């Protein structure tokens, strides 16, 4: 009796193409986050709302089904949640910026929220990439 080859992903091992795509998605998110930081937290592109970040989230959603059952599945959840929480905090920063602009303090608080969100995104991307590079899932995902 001969054993049929097991396709990648079935036994928990991702295909090399999926590993490469995950690396591309991390790189796109990283470029988007650095652009957000370089823009001083401007709400339209901070930290992941620029064109590069939108392309990355689309790729993450398209490929996350392929990652199911592998250690990469947690990375896709990690990246997708990072994107949506950064959008949420970007919107909160914009609301604070606009509503409290009357009392000059709101400008500083809104700006601080955008910068803090960008730094938080960079932390998540670096931590996720370090785990990805070690072929480990993100804990708690």
N, C-alpha and C. Protein backbone atom coordinates (compact mmCIF):
# COMPACT_ATOMS: atom_id res chain seq x y z
N UNK A 1 0.83 -1.16 0.00
CA UNK A 1 0.00 0.00 0.00
C UNK A 1 0.90 1.24 0.00
N UNK A 2 0.63 2.20 -0.88
CA UNK A 2 1.44 3.40 -0.96
C UNK A 2 0.71 4.56 -0.31
N UNK A 3 1.47 5.40 0.30
CA UNK A 3 0.88 6.59 0.92
C UNK A 3 0.80 7.71 -0.10
N UNK A 4 -0.37 8.29 -0.20
CA UNK A 4 -0.55 9.43 -1.10
C UNK A 4 0.08 10.66 -0.46
N UNK A 5 0.68 11.52 -1.25
CA UNK A 5 1.26 12.73 -0.66
C UNK A 5 0.16 13.62 -0.06
N UNK A 6 0.50 14.20 1.08
CA UNK A 6 -0.45 15.07 1.77
C UNK A 6 -0.24 16.49 1.26
N UNK A 7 -1.31 17.13 0.77
CA UNK A 7 -1.14 18.51 0.30
C UNK A 7 -0.79 19.45 1.44
N UNK A 8 0.01 20.50 1.15
CA UNK A 8 0.37 21.46 2.20
C UNK A 8 -0.87 22.07 2.83
N UNK A 9 -0.81 22.29 4.13
CA UNK A 9 -1.91 22.91 4.86
C UNK A 9 -2.83 21.90 5.52
N UNK A 10 -2.90 20.68 4.96
CA UNK A 10 -3.79 19.67 5.52
C UNK A 10 -3.27 19.17 6.86
N UNK A 11 -1.99 18.98 6.98
CA UNK A 11 -1.41 18.47 8.22
C UNK A 11 -0.86 19.57 9.11
N UNK A 12 -1.22 20.82 8.84
CA UNK A 12 -0.74 21.93 9.66
C UNK A 12 0.51 22.60 9.14
N UNK A 13 1.02 22.12 8.01
CA UNK A 13 2.20 22.73 7.42
C UNK A 13 1.78 23.61 6.25
N UNK A 14 2.07 24.91 6.31
CA UNK A 14 1.68 25.79 5.21
C UNK A 14 2.57 25.60 3.99
N UNK A 15 2.03 25.90 2.84
CA UNK A 15 2.81 25.80 1.61
C UNK A 15 3.83 26.93 1.56
N UNK A 16 4.93 26.72 0.84
CA UNK A 16 5.92 27.79 0.69
C UNK A 16 5.32 29.06 0.07
N UNK A 17 4.37 28.90 -0.84
CA UNK A 17 3.73 30.07 -1.46
C UNK A 17 2.95 30.88 -0.43
N UNK A 18 2.28 30.19 0.49
CA UNK A 18 1.52 30.88 1.53
C UNK A 18 2.46 31.58 2.51
N UNK A 19 3.57 30.95 2.82
CA UNK A 19 4.57 31.59 3.70
C UNK A 19 5.09 32.86 3.03
N UNK A 20 5.39 32.78 1.74
CA UNK A 20 5.87 33.96 1.02
C UNK A 20 4.82 35.05 0.98
N UNK A 21 3.55 34.69 0.75
CA UNK A 21 2.49 35.69 0.71
C UNK A 21 2.32 36.36 2.07
N UNK A 22 2.45 35.60 3.14
CA UNK A 22 2.35 36.17 4.48
C UNK A 22 3.47 37.17 4.72
N UNK A 23 4.66 36.84 4.25
CA UNK A 23 5.78 37.76 4.36
C UNK A 23 5.51 39.05 3.57
N UNK A 24 4.93 38.91 2.39
CA UNK A 24 4.58 40.08 1.57
C UNK A 24 3.55 40.96 2.32
N UNK A 25 2.58 40.32 2.95
CA UNK A 25 1.55 41.07 3.69
C UNK A 25 2.17 41.80 4.87
N UNK A 26 3.05 41.14 5.60
CA UNK A 26 3.77 41.82 6.70
C UNK A 26 4.54 43.01 6.16
N UNK A 27 5.22 42.83 5.02
CA UNK A 27 6.01 43.92 4.44
C UNK A 27 5.11 45.09 4.03
N UNK A 28 3.97 44.80 3.41
CA UNK A 28 3.05 45.86 3.02
C UNK A 28 2.53 46.62 4.23
N UNK A 29 2.14 45.89 5.27
CA UNK A 29 1.68 46.55 6.49
C UNK A 29 2.82 47.38 7.11
N UNK A 30 4.03 46.86 7.06
CA UNK A 30 5.17 47.59 7.60
C UNK A 30 5.41 48.89 6.84
N UNK A 31 5.34 48.84 5.52
CA UNK A 31 5.51 50.05 4.71
C UNK A 31 4.40 51.05 5.04
N UNK A 32 3.17 50.56 5.17
CA UNK A 32 2.04 51.45 5.49
C UNK A 32 2.23 52.09 6.86
N UNK A 33 2.70 51.32 7.83
CA UNK A 33 2.89 51.86 9.19
C UNK A 33 4.02 52.88 9.22
N UNK A 34 5.10 52.61 8.53
CA UNK A 34 6.22 53.56 8.48
C UNK A 34 5.78 54.84 7.77
N UNK A 35 4.98 54.71 6.72
CA UNK A 35 4.45 55.89 6.03
C UNK A 35 3.56 56.69 6.97
N UNK A 36 2.79 55.99 7.80
CA UNK A 36 1.95 56.66 8.80
C UNK A 36 2.78 57.41 9.82
N UNK A 37 3.87 56.81 10.25
CA UNK A 37 4.75 57.46 11.21
C UNK A 37 5.47 58.65 10.57
N UNK A 38 5.91 58.47 9.33
CA UNK A 38 6.60 59.55 8.63
C UNK A 38 5.68 60.72 8.34
N UNK A 39 4.37 60.44 8.25
CA UNK A 39 3.42 61.51 7.97
C UNK A 39 3.00 62.24 9.24
N UNK A 40 3.63 61.92 10.34
CA UNK A 40 3.33 62.52 11.65
C UNK A 40 1.92 62.20 12.11
N UNK A 41 1.41 61.05 11.75
CA UNK A 41 0.11 60.64 12.23
C UNK A 41 -1.06 61.29 11.52
N UNK A 42 -0.86 61.81 10.30
CA UNK A 42 -1.98 62.41 9.57
C UNK A 42 -3.07 61.37 9.41
N UNK A 43 -4.31 61.67 9.75
CA UNK A 43 -5.36 60.65 9.86
C UNK A 43 -5.67 59.89 8.59
N UNK A 44 -5.43 60.45 7.41
CA UNK A 44 -5.79 59.74 6.19
C UNK A 44 -4.87 58.57 5.87
N UNK A 45 -3.65 58.60 6.37
CA UNK A 45 -2.75 57.48 6.08
C UNK A 45 -2.10 56.93 7.34
N UNK A 46 -2.59 57.28 8.50
CA UNK A 46 -1.97 56.79 9.72
C UNK A 46 -2.87 55.77 10.36
N UNK A 47 -2.39 54.66 10.77
CA UNK A 47 -1.13 54.11 10.32
C UNK A 47 -1.29 53.18 9.12
N UNK A 48 -2.48 52.63 8.90
CA UNK A 48 -2.60 51.63 7.83
C UNK A 48 -3.67 51.97 6.79
N UNK A 49 -4.11 53.21 6.75
CA UNK A 49 -5.24 53.54 5.90
C UNK A 49 -4.85 54.01 4.50
N UNK A 50 -3.58 54.05 4.19
CA UNK A 50 -3.15 54.42 2.85
C UNK A 50 -3.39 53.28 1.88
N UNK A 51 -3.10 53.50 0.63
CA UNK A 51 -3.32 52.51 -0.41
C UNK A 51 -2.58 51.21 -0.12
N UNK A 52 -1.36 51.30 0.38
CA UNK A 52 -0.57 50.10 0.67
C UNK A 52 -1.24 49.27 1.77
N UNK A 53 -1.74 49.93 2.82
CA UNK A 53 -2.43 49.22 3.89
C UNK A 53 -3.72 48.57 3.42
N UNK A 54 -4.43 49.22 2.53
CA UNK A 54 -5.68 48.65 2.00
C UNK A 54 -5.39 47.43 1.14
N UNK A 55 -4.33 47.51 0.34
CA UNK A 55 -3.94 46.34 -0.46
C UNK A 55 -3.56 45.19 0.47
N UNK A 56 -2.85 45.49 1.54
CA UNK A 56 -2.43 44.45 2.49
C UNK A 56 -3.63 43.79 3.16
N UNK A 57 -4.63 44.57 3.57
CA UNK A 57 -5.79 43.97 4.25
C UNK A 57 -6.60 43.12 3.27
N UNK A 58 -6.69 43.55 2.02
CA UNK A 58 -7.40 42.74 1.02
C UNK A 58 -6.69 41.41 0.82
N UNK A 59 -5.36 41.45 0.69
CA UNK A 59 -4.60 40.20 0.55
C UNK A 59 -4.76 39.31 1.78
N UNK A 60 -4.77 39.92 2.96
CA UNK A 60 -4.91 39.13 4.19
C UNK A 60 -6.26 38.42 4.22
N UNK A 61 -7.32 39.12 3.83
CA UNK A 61 -8.64 38.48 3.80
C UNK A 61 -8.71 37.39 2.74
N UNK A 62 -8.10 37.62 1.59
CA UNK A 62 -8.13 36.62 0.51
C UNK A 62 -7.38 35.36 0.91
N UNK A 63 -6.25 35.51 1.59
CA UNK A 63 -5.39 34.36 1.90
C UNK A 63 -5.65 33.71 3.25
N UNK A 64 -6.45 34.32 4.11
CA UNK A 64 -6.61 33.73 5.43
C UNK A 64 -7.29 32.36 5.40
N UNK A 65 -8.15 32.12 4.43
CA UNK A 65 -8.76 30.79 4.30
C UNK A 65 -7.74 29.72 3.99
N UNK A 66 -6.73 30.06 3.20
CA UNK A 66 -5.66 29.11 2.87
C UNK A 66 -4.81 28.77 4.10
N UNK A 67 -4.80 29.67 5.07
CA UNK A 67 -3.95 29.48 6.26
C UNK A 67 -4.64 28.65 7.34
N UNK A 68 -5.94 28.42 7.22
CA UNK A 68 -6.65 27.65 8.25
C UNK A 68 -5.99 26.30 8.47
N UNK A 69 -5.83 25.95 9.73
CA UNK A 69 -5.22 24.67 10.09
C UNK A 69 -3.70 24.71 10.14
N UNK A 70 -3.12 25.88 9.91
CA UNK A 70 -1.66 26.00 9.97
C UNK A 70 -1.29 27.04 11.03
N UNK A 71 -0.03 27.13 11.34
CA UNK A 71 0.42 28.12 12.31
C UNK A 71 0.28 29.53 11.78
N UNK A 72 0.09 29.68 10.47
CA UNK A 72 -0.08 31.01 9.90
C UNK A 72 -1.46 31.61 10.15
N UNK A 73 -2.43 30.79 10.50
CA UNK A 73 -3.79 31.29 10.72
C UNK A 73 -3.80 32.37 11.81
N UNK A 74 -3.02 32.18 12.86
CA UNK A 74 -2.97 33.18 13.93
C UNK A 74 -2.35 34.48 13.44
N UNK A 75 -1.44 34.41 12.51
CA UNK A 75 -0.83 35.62 11.96
C UNK A 75 -1.84 36.42 11.14
N UNK A 76 -2.67 35.73 10.40
CA UNK A 76 -3.69 36.44 9.63
C UNK A 76 -4.70 37.12 10.55
N UNK A 77 -5.13 36.41 11.60
CA UNK A 77 -6.04 37.05 12.57
C UNK A 77 -5.35 38.25 13.21
N UNK A 78 -4.08 38.12 13.56
CA UNK A 78 -3.30 39.19 14.19
C UNK A 78 -3.24 40.42 13.28
N UNK A 79 -2.94 40.21 12.01
CA UNK A 79 -2.82 41.31 11.06
C UNK A 79 -4.16 41.98 10.78
N UNK A 80 -5.19 41.17 10.63
CA UNK A 80 -6.52 41.72 10.36
C UNK A 80 -7.01 42.52 11.56
N UNK A 81 -6.83 42.02 12.76
CA UNK A 81 -7.24 42.77 13.96
C UNK A 81 -6.41 44.04 14.13
N UNK A 82 -5.13 43.97 13.80
CA UNK A 82 -4.29 45.17 13.87
C UNK A 82 -4.85 46.25 12.95
N UNK A 83 -5.23 45.87 11.76
CA UNK A 83 -5.78 46.83 10.80
C UNK A 83 -7.05 47.47 11.34
N UNK A 84 -8.01 46.66 11.79
CA UNK A 84 -9.30 47.21 12.21
C UNK A 84 -9.19 48.04 13.49
N UNK A 85 -8.34 47.62 14.43
CA UNK A 85 -8.17 48.43 15.64
C UNK A 85 -7.44 49.74 15.32
N UNK A 86 -6.53 49.70 14.36
CA UNK A 86 -5.86 50.96 13.98
C UNK A 86 -6.85 51.90 13.32
N UNK A 87 -7.78 51.37 12.54
CA UNK A 87 -8.83 52.20 11.95
C UNK A 87 -9.71 52.80 13.04
N UNK A 88 -10.10 51.97 13.99
CA UNK A 88 -10.94 52.46 15.10
C UNK A 88 -10.25 53.60 15.84
N UNK A 89 -8.99 53.41 16.22
CA UNK A 89 -8.27 54.45 16.96
C UNK A 89 -7.98 55.67 16.10
N UNK A 90 -7.81 55.47 14.80
CA UNK A 90 -7.66 56.61 13.90
C UNK A 90 -8.92 57.46 13.86
N UNK A 91 -10.08 56.79 13.84
CA UNK A 91 -11.36 57.50 13.85
C UNK A 91 -11.57 58.21 15.18
N UNK A 92 -11.25 57.52 16.28
CA UNK A 92 -11.38 58.16 17.60
C UNK A 92 -10.48 59.39 17.67
N UNK A 93 -9.26 59.27 17.17
CA UNK A 93 -8.35 60.43 17.14
C UNK A 93 -8.93 61.57 16.33
N UNK A 94 -9.54 61.26 15.20
CA UNK A 94 -10.13 62.30 14.35
C UNK A 94 -11.30 62.98 15.05
N UNK A 95 -12.13 62.20 15.72
CA UNK A 95 -13.28 62.77 16.43
C UNK A 95 -12.79 63.69 17.54
N UNK A 96 -11.83 63.22 18.32
CA UNK A 96 -11.29 64.06 19.39
C UNK A 96 -10.65 65.32 18.81
N UNK A 97 -9.91 65.14 17.72
CA UNK A 97 -9.23 66.27 17.08
C UNK A 97 -10.24 67.34 16.65
N UNK A 98 -11.34 66.91 16.02
CA UNK A 98 -12.33 67.85 15.50
C UNK A 98 -13.19 68.43 16.62
N UNK A 99 -13.71 67.57 17.50
CA UNK A 99 -14.63 68.05 18.53
C UNK A 99 -13.95 68.91 19.58
N UNK A 100 -12.71 68.61 19.90
CA UNK A 100 -12.04 69.36 20.94
C UNK A 100 -11.09 70.42 20.39
N UNK A 101 -11.14 70.66 19.08
CA UNK A 101 -10.27 71.68 18.48
C UNK A 101 -10.60 73.07 19.02
N UNK A 102 -11.83 73.24 19.47
CA UNK A 102 -12.24 74.53 20.01
C UNK A 102 -11.37 74.89 21.21
N UNK A 103 -11.11 73.92 22.05
CA UNK A 103 -10.22 74.16 23.19
C UNK A 103 -8.87 73.54 22.84
N UNK A 104 -8.02 74.21 22.28
CA UNK A 104 -6.76 73.83 21.66
C UNK A 104 -6.20 72.48 22.13
N UNK A 105 -6.53 72.05 23.34
CA UNK A 105 -6.01 70.78 23.88
C UNK A 105 -6.41 69.60 22.99
N UNK A 106 -7.61 69.68 22.38
CA UNK A 106 -8.08 68.59 21.53
C UNK A 106 -7.15 68.30 20.37
N UNK A 107 -6.52 69.34 19.85
CA UNK A 107 -5.58 69.13 18.76
C UNK A 107 -4.43 68.25 19.20
N UNK A 108 -3.92 68.50 20.39
CA UNK A 108 -2.80 67.72 20.91
C UNK A 108 -3.22 66.30 21.28
N UNK A 109 -4.42 66.16 21.85
CA UNK A 109 -4.89 64.82 22.23
C UNK A 109 -5.14 63.97 20.99
N UNK A 110 -5.81 64.53 19.98
CA UNK A 110 -6.06 63.79 18.74
C UNK A 110 -4.76 63.38 18.07
N UNK A 111 -3.82 64.31 18.00
CA UNK A 111 -2.51 64.02 17.42
C UNK A 111 -1.80 62.92 18.22
N UNK A 112 -1.86 62.99 19.53
CA UNK A 112 -1.22 61.98 20.39
C UNK A 112 -1.85 60.60 20.16
N UNK A 113 -3.16 60.55 19.97
CA UNK A 113 -3.83 59.27 19.70
C UNK A 113 -3.32 58.68 18.40
N UNK A 114 -3.16 59.51 17.36
CA UNK A 114 -2.67 59.01 16.08
C UNK A 114 -1.25 58.51 16.18
N UNK A 115 -0.40 59.23 16.86
CA UNK A 115 1.00 58.81 17.01
C UNK A 115 1.07 57.52 17.84
N UNK A 116 0.32 57.46 18.94
CA UNK A 116 0.31 56.26 19.78
C UNK A 116 -0.20 55.05 19.00
N UNK A 117 -1.21 55.25 18.18
CA UNK A 117 -1.74 54.16 17.37
C UNK A 117 -0.69 53.67 16.38
N UNK A 118 0.03 54.58 15.76
CA UNK A 118 1.08 54.19 14.82
C UNK A 118 2.18 53.40 15.52
N UNK A 119 2.58 53.83 16.69
CA UNK A 119 3.61 53.11 17.45
C UNK A 119 3.10 51.73 17.85
N UNK A 120 1.83 51.65 18.27
CA UNK A 120 1.21 50.37 18.64
C UNK A 120 1.19 49.42 17.45
N UNK A 121 0.86 49.94 16.27
CA UNK A 121 0.85 49.12 15.05
C UNK A 121 2.25 48.62 14.74
N UNK A 122 3.24 49.49 14.84
CA UNK A 122 4.62 49.06 14.60
C UNK A 122 5.03 47.95 15.57
N UNK A 123 4.65 48.10 16.84
CA UNK A 123 4.95 47.05 17.83
C UNK A 123 4.33 45.73 17.40
N UNK A 124 3.05 45.76 17.02
CA UNK A 124 2.36 44.53 16.63
C UNK A 124 2.98 43.91 15.39
N UNK A 125 3.37 44.74 14.45
CA UNK A 125 3.98 44.21 13.24
C UNK A 125 5.34 43.59 13.53
N UNK A 126 6.13 44.24 14.36
CA UNK A 126 7.45 43.70 14.71
C UNK A 126 7.30 42.40 15.50
N UNK A 127 6.42 42.41 16.50
CA UNK A 127 6.22 41.20 17.30
C UNK A 127 5.71 40.05 16.43
N UNK A 128 4.73 40.33 15.57
CA UNK A 128 4.20 39.30 14.68
C UNK A 128 5.26 38.78 13.73
N UNK A 129 6.06 39.69 13.17
CA UNK A 129 7.10 39.26 12.24
C UNK A 129 8.15 38.39 12.93
N UNK A 130 8.54 38.74 14.14
CA UNK A 130 9.52 37.94 14.87
C UNK A 130 8.99 36.52 15.08
N UNK A 131 7.72 36.40 15.44
CA UNK A 131 7.12 35.07 15.61
C UNK A 131 7.00 34.36 14.26
N UNK A 132 6.63 35.10 13.23
CA UNK A 132 6.53 34.53 11.88
C UNK A 132 7.89 34.00 11.43
N UNK A 133 8.93 34.78 11.64
CA UNK A 133 10.28 34.40 11.24
C UNK A 133 10.73 33.13 11.97
N UNK A 134 10.23 32.93 13.19
CA UNK A 134 10.56 31.73 13.96
C UNK A 134 9.58 30.58 13.67
N UNK A 135 8.68 30.77 12.70
CA UNK A 135 7.67 29.76 12.33
C UNK A 135 6.80 29.38 13.51
N UNK A 136 6.44 30.37 14.31
CA UNK A 136 5.58 30.14 15.48
C UNK A 136 4.28 30.90 15.32
N UNK A 137 3.19 30.35 15.87
CA UNK A 137 1.93 31.09 15.84
C UNK A 137 1.96 32.25 16.84
N UNK A 138 1.08 33.21 16.65
CA UNK A 138 0.95 34.30 17.60
C UNK A 138 0.19 33.74 18.79
N UNK A 139 0.75 33.85 20.01
CA UNK A 139 0.06 33.31 21.19
C UNK A 139 -1.28 34.01 21.44
N UNK A 140 -2.25 33.25 21.87
CA UNK A 140 -3.54 33.81 22.24
C UNK A 140 -4.45 34.12 21.07
N UNK A 141 -4.06 33.74 19.87
CA UNK A 141 -4.89 34.04 18.72
C UNK A 141 -5.67 32.82 18.34
